[in-house]
Amino acid sequence: MLPIISAGIAPGAALLCYFYLRDKYEAEPIHMVAKSFLVGFAIVFPIMFLQYAITHEAAIDSPLFEAFVQTSFLEEFFKWFVLYYTVYHHVEFDDYYDGIVYGVAVSLGFATFENILYIFANGIDTAFGRALLPVSSHALYGVIMGYYLGRAKFAITKKRYAWLLLSFFVPFILHGIYDYIMLFFKKNWLVWIVPFMVFLWWLGLKKVKSANQRSRKQTFDL
């Protein structure tokens, strides 16, 4: 059991540390990051319940529906909801990069618990592939969600709602594309998922750089 739990936790912990340490100007309190991670852990249960209910009640046999509604919409909406109501208005959310830290923490809390459950069900041999694909993709959805929440936090009122909408819809669309590839291109999914993951990492790291630049400008303007 211990090897399975360790294999389930390790990639999420490593990615969280990586993005946490990329904050160049003001590190967030560890207890706030840990709280966000645990909140991500907790939302696994209501999401699983709703997904189970949709599977058995809606009975819609469509990769598009499963990818974008049953999986992407539910998971990204819950992550966005808890970020908005537990972190967005908090006093510690005081620069652009903070959104990325908390977005990654919530996303990886969710992905880590999901990863542990998956490895328990399918064996430790799946751990490496899970780390490279689902866990890291969740981290990058969190980066993108958090980036746009940071833009919303410090935007003028007229633009704030547009950034808030982007903070949900961009990771929702990206997550849906990922799941659709995995569900629809079953025989040659690797051909499609590798370039998509390269793009996702490129986009995520671009947002990290942009958030740090904005945090730097904000710091020196004070």
Protein backbone atom coordinates (compact mmCIF):
# COMPACT_ATOMS: atom_id res chain seq x y z
CA MET A 1 0.00 0.00 0.00
CA LEU A 2 2.79 2.46 0.88
CA PRO A 3 4.47 2.20 -2.57
CA ILE A 4 1.13 2.88 -4.25
CA ILE A 5 0.41 5.92 -2.08
CA SER A 6 3.96 7.20 -2.61
CA ALA A 7 3.70 6.71 -6.38
CA GLY A 8 0.35 8.51 -6.36
CA ILE A 9 1.57 11.50 -4.34
CA ALA A 10 5.09 11.98 -5.74
CA PRO A 11 4.31 13.57 -9.16
CA GLY A 12 1.78 16.00 -7.72
CA ALA A 13 4.13 17.02 -4.91
CA ALA A 14 7.02 17.48 -7.35
CA LEU A 15 4.98 19.63 -9.74
CA LEU A 16 3.56 21.71 -6.90
CA CYS A 17 7.08 22.40 -5.61
CA TYR A 18 8.24 23.28 -9.12
CA PHE A 19 5.56 25.89 -9.73
CA TYR A 20 5.74 27.18 -6.16
CA LEU A 21 9.47 27.81 -6.54
CA ARG A 22 8.93 29.62 -9.85
CA ASP A 23 7.39 32.50 -7.86
CA LYS A 24 10.25 35.00 -8.06
CA TYR A 25 8.98 37.83 -5.87
CA GLU A 26 6.92 36.77 -2.85
CA ALA A 27 6.40 33.16 -1.83
CA GLU A 28 2.91 32.29 -0.64
CA PRO A 29 2.36 31.01 2.93
CA ILE A 30 2.83 27.24 3.05
CA HIS A 31 -0.33 26.77 5.11
CA MET A 32 -2.43 28.52 2.43
CA VAL A 33 -0.94 26.39 -0.33
CA ALA A 34 -1.48 23.23 1.72
CA LYS A 35 -5.09 24.25 2.41
CA SER A 36 -5.71 24.74 -1.31
CA PHE A 37 -4.16 21.35 -2.05
CA LEU A 38 -6.45 19.68 0.50
CA VAL A 39 -9.49 21.46 -0.90
CA GLY A 40 -8.55 19.96 -4.27
CA PHE A 41 -8.39 16.57 -2.56
CA ALA A 42 -11.87 17.06 -1.11
CA ILE A 43 -13.67 17.91 -4.34
CA VAL A 44 -12.88 14.49 -5.80
CA PHE A 45 -15.86 12.96 -3.95
CA PRO A 46 -18.67 15.25 -5.20
CA ILE A 47 -17.23 15.14 -8.73
CA MET A 48 -17.10 11.33 -8.71
CA PHE A 49 -20.67 11.19 -7.42
CA LEU A 50 -21.94 13.50 -10.17
CA GLN A 51 -19.99 11.63 -12.86
CA TYR A 52 -21.44 8.34 -11.62
CA ALA A 53 -24.96 9.79 -11.66
CA ILE A 54 -24.53 11.18 -15.19
CA THR A 55 -23.16 7.85 -16.44
CA HIS A 56 -26.15 5.91 -15.13
CA GLU A 57 -28.94 8.46 -15.59
CA ALA A 58 -28.06 10.32 -18.78
CA ALA A 59 -26.70 7.25 -20.58
CA ILE A 60 -25.32 9.35 -23.44
CA ASP A 61 -22.79 7.28 -25.37
CA SER A 62 -20.71 10.05 -26.91
CA PRO A 63 -16.95 10.75 -26.52
CA LEU A 64 -17.69 14.45 -27.01
CA PHE A 65 -20.23 14.51 -24.18
CA GLU A 66 -18.03 12.45 -21.88
CA ALA A 67 -14.95 14.55 -22.58
CA PHE A 68 -16.43 18.04 -22.39
CA VAL A 69 -19.41 17.66 -20.04
CA GLN A 70 -19.00 14.62 -17.83
CA THR A 71 -15.30 15.15 -17.23
CA SER A 72 -13.92 18.56 -18.22
CA PHE A 73 -16.86 20.76 -17.27
CA LEU A 74 -17.45 19.16 -13.88
CA GLU A 75 -13.78 19.01 -12.86
CA GLU A 76 -12.79 22.49 -14.03
CA PHE A 77 -15.95 24.10 -12.68
CA PHE A 78 -15.43 22.65 -9.20
CA LYS A 79 -11.77 23.72 -9.22
CA TRP A 80 -12.70 27.20 -10.42
CA PHE A 81 -15.52 27.49 -7.86
CA VAL A 82 -13.37 26.62 -4.85
CA LEU A 83 -10.53 28.86 -6.07
CA TYR A 84 -12.88 31.79 -6.47
CA TYR A 85 -14.58 31.38 -3.10
CA THR A 86 -11.62 30.31 -0.94
CA VAL A 87 -8.65 32.17 -2.45
CA TYR A 88 -9.61 34.89 -4.92
CA HIS A 89 -10.83 37.34 -2.26
CA HIS A 90 -8.19 36.38 0.32
CA VAL A 91 -5.69 39.01 1.50
CA GLU A 92 -2.78 36.71 0.60
CA PHE A 93 -3.76 36.85 -3.06
CA ASP A 94 -1.79 40.03 -3.60
CA ASP A 95 0.12 39.63 -6.86
CA TYR A 96 -0.36 38.13 -10.31
CA TYR A 97 1.63 34.92 -9.76
CA ASP A 98 -0.38 33.99 -6.65
CA GLY A 99 -3.25 32.82 -8.83
CA ILE A 100 -0.93 30.30 -10.47
CA VAL A 101 0.32 28.97 -7.11
CA TYR A 102 -3.19 28.42 -5.77
CA GLY A 103 -4.57 27.21 -9.10
CA VAL A 104 -1.84 24.58 -9.29
CA ALA A 105 -2.36 23.61 -5.64
CA VAL A 106 -6.09 22.97 -6.07
CA SER A 107 -5.62 21.19 -9.39
CA LEU A 108 -2.85 18.97 -8.07
CA GLY A 109 -4.79 18.18 -4.91
CA PHE A 110 -7.55 16.87 -7.14
CA ALA A 111 -5.16 15.10 -9.52
CA THR A 112 -3.17 13.49 -6.69
CA PHE A 113 -6.18 11.90 -5.02
CA GLU A 114 -7.52 10.79 -8.39
CA ASN A 115 -4.08 9.37 -9.18
CA ILE A 116 -3.92 7.36 -5.95
CA LEU A 117 -7.36 5.86 -6.64
CA TYR A 118 -6.39 5.01 -10.22
CA ILE A 119 -3.12 3.32 -9.22
CA PHE A 120 -4.94 1.33 -6.52
CA ALA A 121 -7.40 0.10 -9.14
CA ASN A 122 -4.99 -0.50 -12.03
CA GLY A 123 -1.61 -1.22 -10.46
CA ILE A 124 1.64 0.61 -9.83
CA ASP A 125 2.77 -0.05 -13.43
CA THR A 126 0.48 2.79 -14.50
CA ALA A 127 2.18 5.36 -12.23
CA PHE A 128 4.75 6.66 -14.73
CA GLY A 129 2.24 7.25 -17.51
CA ARG A 130 -0.15 8.90 -15.07
CA ALA A 131 2.59 11.29 -13.92
CA LEU A 132 3.47 12.31 -17.48
CA LEU A 133 -0.08 12.82 -18.72
CA PRO A 134 -3.09 13.28 -16.38
CA VAL A 135 -1.22 14.70 -13.38
CA SER A 136 0.94 17.13 -15.34
CA SER A 137 -2.01 18.20 -17.52
CA HIS A 138 -4.05 19.02 -14.40
CA ALA A 139 -1.14 21.10 -13.12
CA LEU A 140 -1.10 23.06 -16.38
CA TYR A 141 -4.87 23.61 -16.33
CA GLY A 142 -4.29 25.03 -12.85
CA VAL A 143 -1.53 27.32 -14.16
CA ILE A 144 -3.80 28.69 -16.87
CA MET A 145 -6.81 29.04 -14.57
CA GLY A 146 -4.71 30.78 -11.94
CA TYR A 147 -3.09 33.10 -14.47
CA TYR A 148 -6.43 34.42 -15.66
CA LEU A 149 -7.69 34.72 -12.06
CA GLY A 150 -4.62 36.84 -11.36
CA ARG A 151 -5.43 39.05 -14.35
CA ALA A 152 -9.01 39.38 -13.09
CA LYS A 153 -7.90 40.22 -9.56
CA PHE A 154 -5.90 43.26 -10.65
CA ALA A 155 -7.92 44.33 -13.70
CA ILE A 156 -10.10 47.40 -13.96
CA THR A 157 -13.75 46.65 -13.31
CA LYS A 158 -14.83 46.58 -16.98
CA LYS A 159 -12.32 43.86 -17.89
CA ARG A 160 -12.54 41.82 -14.69
CA TYR A 161 -15.50 39.72 -15.75
CA ALA A 162 -13.89 38.87 -19.08
CA TRP A 163 -10.76 37.58 -17.30
CA LEU A 164 -12.94 35.60 -14.87
CA LEU A 165 -14.74 33.95 -17.78
CA LEU A 166 -11.41 33.10 -19.40
CA SER A 167 -10.17 31.62 -16.12
CA PHE A 168 -12.84 28.95 -16.42
CA PHE A 169 -13.37 28.52 -20.15
CA VAL A 170 -9.75 28.22 -21.31
CA PRO A 171 -8.84 25.30 -18.99
CA PHE A 172 -12.29 23.79 -19.61
CA ILE A 173 -11.70 23.73 -23.39
CA LEU A 174 -8.12 22.45 -23.06
CA HIS A 175 -9.17 19.72 -20.64
CA GLY A 176 -12.00 18.72 -22.94
CA ILE A 177 -9.64 18.44 -25.91
CA TYR A 178 -7.27 16.26 -23.87
CA ASP A 179 -10.05 13.89 -22.83
CA TYR A 180 -11.54 13.80 -26.30
CA ILE A 181 -8.18 12.73 -27.75
CA MET A 182 -7.90 9.94 -25.17
CA LEU A 183 -11.46 8.74 -25.77
CA PHE A 184 -11.83 9.14 -29.53
CA PHE A 185 -8.35 8.33 -30.88
CA LYS A 186 -8.00 5.07 -28.98
CA LYS A 187 -5.70 3.32 -31.46
CA ASN A 188 -3.34 6.20 -32.25
CA TRP A 189 -3.91 8.48 -29.26
CA LEU A 190 -0.16 8.87 -28.69
CA VAL A 191 0.26 10.58 -32.07
CA TRP A 192 -2.22 13.26 -30.98
CA ILE A 193 -1.52 13.58 -27.26
CA VAL A 194 2.25 14.20 -27.53
CA PRO A 195 1.96 17.43 -29.60
CA PHE A 196 -0.99 18.51 -27.46
CA MET A 197 1.04 18.08 -24.25
CA VAL A 198 3.98 19.95 -25.81
CA PHE A 199 1.59 22.79 -26.63
CA LEU A 200 0.09 22.68 -23.12
CA TRP A 201 3.54 22.93 -21.49
CA TRP A 202 4.51 25.75 -23.82
CA LEU A 203 1.32 27.65 -22.99
CA GLY A 204 1.62 26.99 -19.25
CA LEU A 205 5.25 28.13 -19.04
CA LYS A 206 4.40 31.19 -21.13
CA LYS A 207 1.74 32.11 -18.55
CA VAL A 208 4.24 31.54 -15.72
CA LYS A 209 6.69 33.94 -17.36
CA SER A 210 3.99 36.53 -18.04
CA ALA A 211 2.66 36.38 -14.46
CA ASN A 212 6.15 36.83 -13.04
CA GLN A 213 6.77 39.81 -15.30
CA ARG A 214 3.53 41.42 -14.16
CA SER A 215 4.36 40.67 -10.52
CA ARG A 216 7.77 42.29 -11.01
CA LYS A 217 6.21 45.43 -12.49
CA GLN A 218 3.64 45.52 -9.67
CA THR A 219 6.41 45.16 -7.06
CA PHE A 220 8.55 47.96 -8.47
CA ASP A 221 5.53 50.24 -8.98
CA LEU A 222 4.66 50.11 -5.27
